[in-house]
Amino acid sequence: MRVGELAERTGVSERSLRYYEKQGLLTAERTPGGHRQFGEWAVDRVIRIQALYAAGLNSTRIAALLPCMRDADGGPSARATERLVAELAEERRRIDRLIADLLRSREVLDEVMELAAQPREDAPPPPAAHGRVAGEVAHEMARKRQKTRS
């Protein structure tokens, strides 16, 4: 498949795919006309590269890691070195810290949203609607607020 089709199938720009190739993350055969030609395997590879970038790894780390990952054709072509495993373990700890920070941020937002949903004591009464029914509704709401304060 050509670079445009690979871009379409993966949702990654052609420019990014050329960058991946320049960084050694992706390889393409060349047609006699000089066009890039990718095999079906490239779809999985690009998706994997995107996931690694999203996890915060840089292209150098990804280039070292990709040969150790299973491809569509079976097993990995290389084994991870002890150093790479140690570096990846540190990346995992960094991601764990980010997740913990995000969870704390979500808890704070939940608390703020919960507080915002509660009626405020100093809030003005809702605007009066037309007619006797609206007055009765406003009176009932005020009575309920008074009960919850007691």
C-alpha atoms as a PDB file:
ATOM      1  CA  MET A   1       0.000   0.000   0.000  1.00  0.00           C
ATOM      2  CA  ARG A   2       1.155   3.534  -0.640  1.00  0.00           C
ATOM      3  CA  VAL A   3       1.782   6.121   2.043  1.00  0.00           C
ATOM      4  CA  GLY A   4      -1.594   7.804   1.459  1.00  0.00           C
ATOM      5  CA  GLU A   5      -3.510   4.586   2.062  1.00  0.00           C
ATOM      6  CA  LEU A   6      -1.449   3.842   5.176  1.00  0.00           C
ATOM      7  CA  ALA A   7      -2.198   7.341   6.435  1.00  0.00           C
ATOM      8  CA  GLU A   8      -5.899   6.864   5.798  1.00  0.00           C
ATOM      9  CA  ARG A   9      -6.054   3.457   7.463  1.00  0.00           C
ATOM     10  CA  THR A  10      -4.168   4.546  10.577  1.00  0.00           C
ATOM     11  CA  GLY A  11      -5.342   8.143  10.940  1.00  0.00           C
ATOM     12  CA  VAL A  12      -1.717   9.322  10.918  1.00  0.00           C
ATOM     13  CA  SER A  13      -0.598  12.056   8.544  1.00  0.00           C
ATOM     14  CA  GLU A  14       1.655  11.268   5.593  1.00  0.00           C
ATOM     15  CA  ARG A  15       4.145  13.734   7.056  1.00  0.00           C
ATOM     16  CA  SER A  16       4.282  11.736  10.304  1.00  0.00           C
ATOM     17  CA  LEU A  17       4.747   8.499   8.386  1.00  0.00           C
ATOM     18  CA  ARG A  18       7.699   9.993   6.514  1.00  0.00           C
ATOM     19  CA  TYR A  19       9.110  11.150   9.854  1.00  0.00           C
ATOM     20  CA  TYR A  20       8.732   7.630  11.273  1.00  0.00           C
ATOM     21  CA  GLU A  21      10.630   6.306   8.289  1.00  0.00           C
ATOM     22  CA  LYS A  22      13.385   8.894   8.740  1.00  0.00           C
ATOM     23  CA  GLN A  23      13.676   7.924  12.423  1.00  0.00           C
ATOM     24  CA  GLY A  24      13.975   4.220  11.542  1.00  0.00           C
ATOM     25  CA  LEU A  25      10.624   3.339  13.078  1.00  0.00           C
ATOM     26  CA  LEU A  26       9.039   2.314   9.794  1.00  0.00           C
ATOM     27  CA  THR A  27      10.509   0.957   6.588  1.00  0.00           C
ATOM     28  CA  ALA A  28       9.115   1.077   3.081  1.00  0.00           C
ATOM     29  CA  GLU A  29      10.023  -0.592  -0.143  1.00  0.00           C
ATOM     30  CA  ARG A  30      10.362   1.681  -3.143  1.00  0.00           C
ATOM     31  CA  THR A  31       8.561   1.144  -6.418  1.00  0.00           C
ATOM     32  CA  PRO A  32      10.505   1.615  -9.663  1.00  0.00           C
ATOM     33  CA  GLY A  33       8.913   5.074  -9.765  1.00  0.00           C
ATOM     34  CA  GLY A  34      10.319   5.893  -6.319  1.00  0.00           C
ATOM     35  CA  HIS A  35       7.023   5.704  -4.416  1.00  0.00           C
ATOM     36  CA  ARG A  36       6.905   4.262  -0.915  1.00  0.00           C
ATOM     37  CA  GLN A  37       5.224   0.872  -0.718  1.00  0.00           C
ATOM     38  CA  PHE A  38       4.231  -0.600   2.656  1.00  0.00           C
ATOM     39  CA  GLY A  39       3.099  -4.089   3.530  1.00  0.00           C
ATOM     40  CA  GLU A  40      -0.015  -4.896   5.535  1.00  0.00           C
ATOM     41  CA  TRP A  41       2.177  -5.209   8.638  1.00  0.00           C
ATOM     42  CA  ALA A  42       2.750  -1.427   8.562  1.00  0.00           C
ATOM     43  CA  VAL A  43      -0.775  -0.731   9.855  1.00  0.00           C
ATOM     44  CA  ASP A  44      -0.084  -2.553  13.132  1.00  0.00           C
ATOM     45  CA  ARG A  45       3.377  -1.002  13.361  1.00  0.00           C
ATOM     46  CA  VAL A  46       2.056   2.558  12.990  1.00  0.00           C
ATOM     47  CA  ILE A  47      -0.686   1.965  15.557  1.00  0.00           C
ATOM     48  CA  ARG A  48       1.926   0.594  17.938  1.00  0.00           C
ATOM     49  CA  ILE A  49       4.210   3.597  17.335  1.00  0.00           C
ATOM     50  CA  GLN A  50       1.315   5.963  18.045  1.00  0.00           C
ATOM     51  CA  ALA A  51       0.554   4.155  21.315  1.00  0.00           C
ATOM     52  CA  LEU A  52       4.181   4.413  22.403  1.00  0.00           C
ATOM     53  CA  TYR A  53       4.299   8.120  21.569  1.00  0.00           C
ATOM     54  CA  ALA A  54       1.046   8.616  23.500  1.00  0.00           C
ATOM     55  CA  ALA A  55       2.681   6.910  26.480  1.00  0.00           C
ATOM     56  CA  GLY A  56       5.382   9.580  26.389  1.00  0.00           C
ATOM     57  CA  LEU A  57       8.253   7.642  24.813  1.00  0.00           C
ATOM     58  CA  ASN A  58      10.469   9.464  22.343  1.00  0.00           C
ATOM     59  CA  SER A  59      11.493   8.183  18.910  1.00  0.00           C
ATOM     60  CA  THR A  60      14.911   6.980  20.119  1.00  0.00           C
ATOM     61  CA  ARG A  61      13.331   4.849  22.850  1.00  0.00           C
ATOM     62  CA  ILE A  62      10.667   3.595  20.461  1.00  0.00           C
ATOM     63  CA  ALA A  63      13.310   2.633  17.891  1.00  0.00           C
ATOM     64  CA  ALA A  64      15.098   0.575  20.557  1.00  0.00           C
ATOM     65  CA  LEU A  65      11.867  -1.033  21.705  1.00  0.00           C
ATOM     66  CA  LEU A  66      10.166  -1.939  18.411  1.00  0.00           C
ATOM     67  CA  PRO A  67      12.493  -4.828  17.485  1.00  0.00           C
ATOM     68  CA  CYS A  68      11.670  -6.438  20.841  1.00  0.00           C
ATOM     69  CA  MET A  69       7.903  -6.318  20.285  1.00  0.00           C
ATOM     70  CA  ARG A  70       5.875  -9.026  18.624  1.00  0.00           C
ATOM     71  CA  ASP A  71       4.895  -8.253  15.067  1.00  0.00           C
ATOM     72  CA  ALA A  72       2.021  -9.661  13.052  1.00  0.00           C
ATOM     73  CA  ASP A  73       4.357 -12.315  11.643  1.00  0.00           C
ATOM     74  CA  GLY A  74       5.088 -13.933  15.006  1.00  0.00           C
ATOM     75  CA  GLY A  75       7.769 -13.289  17.565  1.00  0.00           C
ATOM     76  CA  PRO A  76      10.164 -10.456  18.246  1.00  0.00           C
ATOM     77  CA  SER A  77      13.307 -10.207  16.188  1.00  0.00           C
ATOM     78  CA  ALA A  78      15.491  -9.156  19.124  1.00  0.00           C
ATOM     79  CA  ARG A  79      15.548  -9.478  22.870  1.00  0.00           C
ATOM     80  CA  ALA A  80      15.413  -6.441  25.110  1.00  0.00           C
ATOM     81  CA  THR A  81      18.654  -5.634  26.863  1.00  0.00           C
ATOM     82  CA  GLU A  82      18.745  -5.254  30.640  1.00  0.00           C
ATOM     83  CA  ARG A  83      19.319  -1.536  30.156  1.00  0.00           C
ATOM     84  CA  LEU A  84      16.272  -1.180  27.916  1.00  0.00           C
ATOM     85  CA  VAL A  85      14.141  -3.093  30.411  1.00  0.00           C
ATOM     86  CA  ALA A  86      15.356  -0.793  33.210  1.00  0.00           C
ATOM     87  CA  GLU A  87      14.574   2.289  31.091  1.00  0.00           C
ATOM     88  CA  LEU A  88      11.133   0.943  30.284  1.00  0.00           C
ATOM     89  CA  ALA A  89      10.493   0.200  33.954  1.00  0.00           C
ATOM     90  CA  GLU A  90      11.281   3.848  34.702  1.00  0.00           C
ATOM     91  CA  GLU A  91       8.889   4.921  31.941  1.00  0.00           C
ATOM     92  CA  ARG A  92       6.228   2.731  33.506  1.00  0.00           C
ATOM     93  CA  ARG A  93       6.784   4.338  36.910  1.00  0.00           C
ATOM     94  CA  ARG A  94       6.497   7.768  35.266  1.00  0.00           C
ATOM     95  CA  ILE A  95       3.204   6.760  33.632  1.00  0.00           C
ATOM     96  CA  ASP A  96       1.948   5.394  36.976  1.00  0.00           C
ATOM     97  CA  ARG A  97       2.717   8.787  38.558  1.00  0.00           C
ATOM     98  CA  LEU A  98       0.834  10.561  35.763  1.00  0.00           C
ATOM     99  CA  ILE A  99      -2.157   8.267  36.236  1.00  0.00           C
ATOM    100  CA  ALA A 100      -2.157   8.923  39.985  1.00  0.00           C
ATOM    101  CA  ASP A 101      -2.014  12.689  39.337  1.00  0.00           C
ATOM    102  CA  LEU A 102      -4.885  12.445  36.852  1.00  0.00           C
ATOM    103  CA  LEU A 103      -6.977  10.428  39.297  1.00  0.00           C
ATOM    104  CA  ARG A 104      -6.397  13.057  42.007  1.00  0.00           C
ATOM    105  CA  SER A 105      -7.384  15.790  39.555  1.00  0.00           C
ATOM    106  CA  ARG A 106     -10.541  13.896  38.671  1.00  0.00           C
ATOM    107  CA  GLU A 107     -11.425  13.548  42.369  1.00  0.00           C
ATOM    108  CA  VAL A 108     -11.030  17.302  42.864  1.00  0.00           C
ATOM    109  CA  LEU A 109     -13.261  17.978  39.862  1.00  0.00           C
ATOM    110  CA  ASP A 110     -15.852  15.527  41.191  1.00  0.00           C
ATOM    111  CA  GLU A 111     -15.864  17.348  44.548  1.00  0.00           C
ATOM    112  CA  VAL A 112     -16.255  20.734  42.880  1.00  0.00           C
ATOM    113  CA  MET A 113     -19.070  19.485  40.657  1.00  0.00           C
ATOM    114  CA  GLU A 114     -20.825  17.926  43.650  1.00  0.00           C
ATOM    115  CA  LEU A 115     -20.579  21.170  45.609  1.00  0.00           C
ATOM    116  CA  ALA A 116     -21.761  23.167  42.620  1.00  0.00           C
ATOM    117  CA  ALA A 117     -24.835  20.949  42.305  1.00  0.00           C
ATOM    118  CA  GLN A 118     -25.918  21.620  45.908  1.00  0.00           C
ATOM    119  CA  PRO A 119     -28.240  24.587  46.466  1.00  0.00           C
ATOM    120  CA  ARG A 120     -26.500  27.542  48.057  1.00  0.00           C
ATOM    121  CA  GLU A 121     -27.979  29.172  51.139  1.00  0.00           C
ATOM    122  CA  ASP A 122     -27.118  32.654  49.882  1.00  0.00           C
ATOM    123  CA  ALA A 123     -28.497  32.064  46.390  1.00  0.00           C
ATOM    124  CA  PRO A 124     -31.389  34.276  45.352  1.00  0.00           C
ATOM    125  CA  PRO A 125     -34.710  32.526  44.878  1.00  0.00           C
ATOM    126  CA  PRO A 126     -35.454  31.327  41.378  1.00  0.00           C
ATOM    127  CA  PRO A 127     -37.183  33.883  39.180  1.00  0.00           C
ATOM    128  CA  ALA A 128     -40.936  33.853  39.663  1.00  0.00           C
ATOM    129  CA  ALA A 129     -42.928  32.310  36.876  1.00  0.00           C
ATOM    130  CA  HIS A 130     -46.355  33.471  35.860  1.00  0.00           C
ATOM    131  CA  GLY A 131     -49.460  32.588  37.777  1.00  0.00           C
ATOM    132  CA  ARG A 132     -50.469  31.034  41.063  1.00  0.00           C
ATOM    133  CA  VAL A 133     -48.804  27.635  40.357  1.00  0.00           C
ATOM    134  CA  ALA A 134     -45.376  29.214  39.964  1.00  0.00           C
ATOM    135  CA  GLY A 135     -45.735  30.973  43.303  1.00  0.00           C
ATOM    136  CA  GLU A 136     -46.696  27.706  44.964  1.00  0.00           C
ATOM    137  CA  VAL A 137     -43.671  25.934  43.430  1.00  0.00           C
ATOM    138  CA  ALA A 138     -41.312  28.700  44.599  1.00  0.00           C
ATOM    139  CA  HIS A 139     -42.838  28.567  48.092  1.00  0.00           C
ATOM    140  CA  GLU A 140     -42.430  24.759  48.222  1.00  0.00           C
ATOM    141  CA  MET A 141     -38.780  24.993  47.106  1.00  0.00           C
ATOM    142  CA  ALA A 142     -38.043  27.577  49.795  1.00  0.00           C
ATOM    143  CA  ARG A 143     -39.717  25.365  52.409  1.00  0.00           C
ATOM    144  CA  LYS A 144     -37.573  22.366  51.355  1.00  0.00           C
ATOM    145  CA  ARG A 145     -34.421  24.471  51.552  1.00  0.00           C
ATOM    146  CA  GLN A 146     -35.361  25.579  55.024  1.00  0.00           C
ATOM    147  CA  LYS A 147     -35.885  21.945  56.108  1.00  0.00           C
ATOM    148  CA  THR A 148     -32.447  20.857  54.874  1.00  0.00           C
ATOM    149  CA  ARG A 149     -30.775  23.665  56.854  1.00  0.00           C
ATOM    150  CA  SER A 150     -32.470  22.626  60.098  1.00  0.00           C
END
